[in-house]
Amino acid sequence: MGTGKKPLSAAFAQYTSLALLLPISTFVGYVIGHYLDKALGTHWLTVLFLILGTVGGFIELIRQIMRDSNDGPG
């Protein structure tokens, strides 16, 4: 029925969220690690959760790119 093409506003919203995905996930990982460090009196959880947040952001970014490449024209 439809052409299968996304409206421009939907594509804009999707790619804007992709642009924000990596910095936000990295920041959230940092904040979680920082608060755990303060609560537990450690100094290494900030780095661990910073890395986990970054890796999680990259994984989700790659998943979205793979979805987009499968939904492409053709």
N, C-alpha and C. Protein backbone atom coordinates (compact mmCIF):
# COMPACT_ATOMS: atom_id res chain seq x y z
N MET A 1 0.82 -1.18 0.00
CA MET A 1 0.00 0.00 0.00
C MET A 1 0.86 1.25 0.00
N GLY A 2 1.75 1.35 1.01
CA GLY A 2 2.65 2.50 1.07
C GLY A 2 3.91 2.22 0.26
N THR A 3 4.69 3.24 0.09
CA THR A 3 5.92 3.08 -0.68
C THR A 3 7.03 2.49 0.17
N GLY A 4 6.84 2.43 1.49
CA GLY A 4 7.86 1.89 2.36
C GLY A 4 8.92 2.91 2.74
N LYS A 5 8.77 4.11 2.22
CA LYS A 5 9.73 5.17 2.52
C LYS A 5 9.25 5.96 3.74
N LYS A 6 10.17 6.28 4.62
CA LYS A 6 9.83 7.02 5.83
C LYS A 6 9.61 8.49 5.48
N PRO A 7 8.68 9.12 6.19
CA PRO A 7 8.55 10.57 6.01
C PRO A 7 9.82 11.27 6.48
N LEU A 8 10.06 12.43 5.95
CA LEU A 8 11.27 13.19 6.28
C LEU A 8 11.37 13.47 7.78
N SER A 9 10.26 13.79 8.42
CA SER A 9 10.30 14.09 9.85
C SER A 9 10.69 12.86 10.67
N ALA A 10 10.22 11.69 10.26
CA ALA A 10 10.58 10.46 10.98
C ALA A 10 12.06 10.13 10.80
N ALA A 11 12.57 10.32 9.60
CA ALA A 11 14.00 10.07 9.36
C ALA A 11 14.85 11.07 10.15
N PHE A 12 14.42 12.33 10.19
CA PHE A 12 15.15 13.34 10.95
C PHE A 12 15.19 13.00 12.43
N ALA A 13 14.05 12.58 12.98
CA ALA A 13 13.98 12.21 14.40
C ALA A 13 14.87 10.99 14.69
N GLN A 14 14.86 10.03 13.79
CA GLN A 14 15.66 8.82 14.00
C GLN A 14 17.15 9.15 13.99
N TYR A 15 17.61 9.93 13.05
CA TYR A 15 19.03 10.23 12.98
C TYR A 15 19.48 11.23 14.03
N THR A 16 18.58 12.07 14.50
CA THR A 16 18.91 12.94 15.63
C THR A 16 19.11 12.09 16.89
N SER A 17 18.25 11.10 17.08
CA SER A 17 18.43 10.23 18.25
C SER A 17 19.72 9.43 18.14
N LEU A 18 20.10 9.04 16.94
CA LEU A 18 21.38 8.34 16.77
C LEU A 18 22.56 9.25 17.12
N ALA A 19 22.45 10.51 16.77
CA ALA A 19 23.53 11.44 17.07
C ALA A 19 23.68 11.66 18.57
N LEU A 20 22.60 11.54 19.31
CA LEU A 20 22.63 11.75 20.75
C LEU A 20 22.88 10.47 21.53
N LEU A 21 22.73 9.33 20.89
CA LEU A 21 22.82 8.04 21.56
C LEU A 21 24.17 7.82 22.24
N LEU A 22 25.25 7.99 21.54
CA LEU A 22 26.58 7.70 22.08
C LEU A 22 26.97 8.66 23.22
N PRO A 23 26.83 9.97 23.05
CA PRO A 23 27.19 10.83 24.19
C PRO A 23 26.31 10.64 25.42
N ILE A 24 25.03 10.39 25.22
CA ILE A 24 24.14 10.20 26.37
C ILE A 24 24.46 8.90 27.09
N SER A 25 24.68 7.82 26.35
CA SER A 25 24.99 6.55 27.01
C SER A 25 26.33 6.62 27.75
N THR A 26 27.29 7.34 27.17
CA THR A 26 28.58 7.51 27.84
C THR A 26 28.40 8.32 29.13
N PHE A 27 27.62 9.38 29.07
CA PHE A 27 27.38 10.22 30.24
C PHE A 27 26.64 9.45 31.34
N VAL A 28 25.64 8.66 30.95
CA VAL A 28 24.89 7.88 31.93
C VAL A 28 25.81 6.86 32.61
N GLY A 29 26.67 6.22 31.83
CA GLY A 29 27.62 5.29 32.42
C GLY A 29 28.55 5.98 33.40
N TYR A 30 29.01 7.17 33.05
CA TYR A 30 29.88 7.94 33.95
C TYR A 30 29.16 8.29 35.25
N VAL A 31 27.93 8.76 35.14
CA VAL A 31 27.17 9.18 36.33
C VAL A 31 26.92 7.99 37.25
N ILE A 32 26.53 6.86 36.69
CA ILE A 32 26.29 5.67 37.51
C ILE A 32 27.58 5.26 38.23
N GLY A 33 28.69 5.22 37.50
CA GLY A 33 29.96 4.85 38.10
C GLY A 33 30.40 5.84 39.18
N HIS A 34 30.19 7.12 38.92
CA HIS A 34 30.58 8.15 39.89
C HIS A 34 29.81 7.98 41.20
N TYR A 35 28.50 7.80 41.10
CA TYR A 35 27.70 7.65 42.32
C TYR A 35 28.02 6.34 43.04
N LEU A 36 28.29 5.29 42.30
CA LEU A 36 28.68 4.04 42.96
C LEU A 36 30.04 4.19 43.65
N ASP A 37 30.95 4.90 43.02
CA ASP A 37 32.24 5.16 43.66
C ASP A 37 32.07 5.92 44.97
N LYS A 38 31.22 6.94 44.94
CA LYS A 38 31.00 7.72 46.17
C LYS A 38 30.33 6.86 47.25
N ALA A 39 29.37 6.04 46.85
CA ALA A 39 28.63 5.23 47.82
C ALA A 39 29.50 4.11 48.40
N LEU A 40 30.37 3.53 47.58
CA LEU A 40 31.16 2.39 48.03
C LEU A 40 32.58 2.75 48.44
N GLY A 41 32.98 3.99 48.23
CA GLY A 41 34.32 4.41 48.60
C GLY A 41 35.42 3.86 47.69
N THR A 42 35.07 3.59 46.46
CA THR A 42 36.06 3.08 45.50
C THR A 42 36.44 4.18 44.51
N HIS A 43 37.36 3.88 43.60
CA HIS A 43 37.79 4.87 42.62
C HIS A 43 37.84 4.32 41.20
N TRP A 44 37.45 3.08 41.00
CA TRP A 44 37.59 2.47 39.68
C TRP A 44 36.25 2.23 38.98
N LEU A 45 35.14 2.35 39.68
CA LEU A 45 33.85 2.08 39.06
C LEU A 45 33.45 3.15 38.04
N THR A 46 33.91 4.38 38.22
CA THR A 46 33.62 5.42 37.24
C THR A 46 34.18 5.04 35.88
N VAL A 47 35.42 4.59 35.86
CA VAL A 47 36.05 4.20 34.59
C VAL A 47 35.34 2.99 33.99
N LEU A 48 35.02 2.02 34.82
CA LEU A 48 34.34 0.81 34.34
C LEU A 48 33.00 1.15 33.70
N PHE A 49 32.17 1.93 34.39
CA PHE A 49 30.86 2.25 33.86
C PHE A 49 30.93 3.24 32.70
N LEU A 50 31.97 4.07 32.65
CA LEU A 50 32.19 4.93 31.50
C LEU A 50 32.44 4.08 30.26
N ILE A 51 33.28 3.07 30.41
CA ILE A 51 33.56 2.16 29.29
C ILE A 51 32.31 1.37 28.91
N LEU A 52 31.58 0.86 29.90
CA LEU A 52 30.37 0.10 29.61
C LEU A 52 29.32 0.96 28.90
N GLY A 53 29.17 2.19 29.31
CA GLY A 53 28.22 3.09 28.65
C GLY A 53 28.61 3.37 27.21
N THR A 54 29.90 3.57 26.98
CA THR A 54 30.39 3.82 25.62
C THR A 54 30.18 2.60 24.74
N VAL A 55 30.54 1.43 25.25
CA VAL A 55 30.37 0.19 24.48
C VAL A 55 28.89 -0.05 24.19
N GLY A 56 28.04 0.17 25.18
CA GLY A 56 26.60 0.01 24.97
C GLY A 56 26.07 0.95 23.90
N GLY A 57 26.56 2.18 23.90
CA GLY A 57 26.15 3.14 22.87
C GLY A 57 26.60 2.71 21.49
N PHE A 58 27.83 2.22 21.37
CA PHE A 58 28.32 1.74 20.08
C PHE A 58 27.52 0.53 19.60
N ILE A 59 27.19 -0.38 20.50
CA ILE A 59 26.41 -1.56 20.11
C ILE A 59 25.05 -1.15 19.57
N GLU A 60 24.39 -0.25 20.26
CA GLU A 60 23.08 0.19 19.79
C GLU A 60 23.18 0.97 18.48
N LEU A 61 24.24 1.74 18.31
CA LEU A 61 24.48 2.47 17.06
C LEU A 61 24.66 1.49 15.90
N ILE A 62 25.44 0.45 16.12
CA ILE A 62 25.68 -0.55 15.08
C ILE A 62 24.39 -1.31 14.77
N ARG A 63 23.61 -1.64 15.79
CA ARG A 63 22.33 -2.32 15.55
C ARG A 63 21.41 -1.48 14.68
N GLN A 64 21.35 -0.18 14.97
CA GLN A 64 20.47 0.70 14.19
C GLN A 64 20.97 0.83 12.76
N ILE A 65 22.26 0.91 12.57
CA ILE A 65 22.81 0.99 11.22
C ILE A 65 22.51 -0.29 10.45
N MET A 66 22.62 -1.44 11.12
CA MET A 66 22.30 -2.72 10.46
C MET A 66 20.82 -2.77 10.09
N ARG A 67 19.95 -2.30 10.97
CA ARG A 67 18.51 -2.26 10.66
C ARG A 67 18.25 -1.37 9.45
N ASP A 68 18.90 -0.20 9.42
CA ASP A 68 18.69 0.72 8.31
C ASP A 68 19.20 0.15 6.99
N SER A 69 20.33 -0.56 7.04
CA SER A 69 20.87 -1.12 5.80
C SER A 69 19.98 -2.25 5.29
N ASN A 70 19.28 -2.96 6.18
CA ASN A 70 18.35 -4.01 5.76
C ASN A 70 17.04 -3.44 5.25
N ASP A 71 16.66 -2.25 5.72
CA ASP A 71 15.40 -1.63 5.31
C ASP A 71 15.56 -0.71 4.11
N GLY A 72 16.75 -0.66 3.55
CA GLY A 72 17.04 0.25 2.45
C GLY A 72 16.24 -0.05 1.20
N PRO A 73 16.39 0.80 0.19
CA PRO A 73 15.64 0.58 -1.05
C PRO A 73 16.08 -0.70 -1.73
N GLY A 74 15.15 -1.31 -2.37
CA GLY A 74 15.52 -2.52 -3.11
C GLY A 74 14.66 -3.59 -2.75
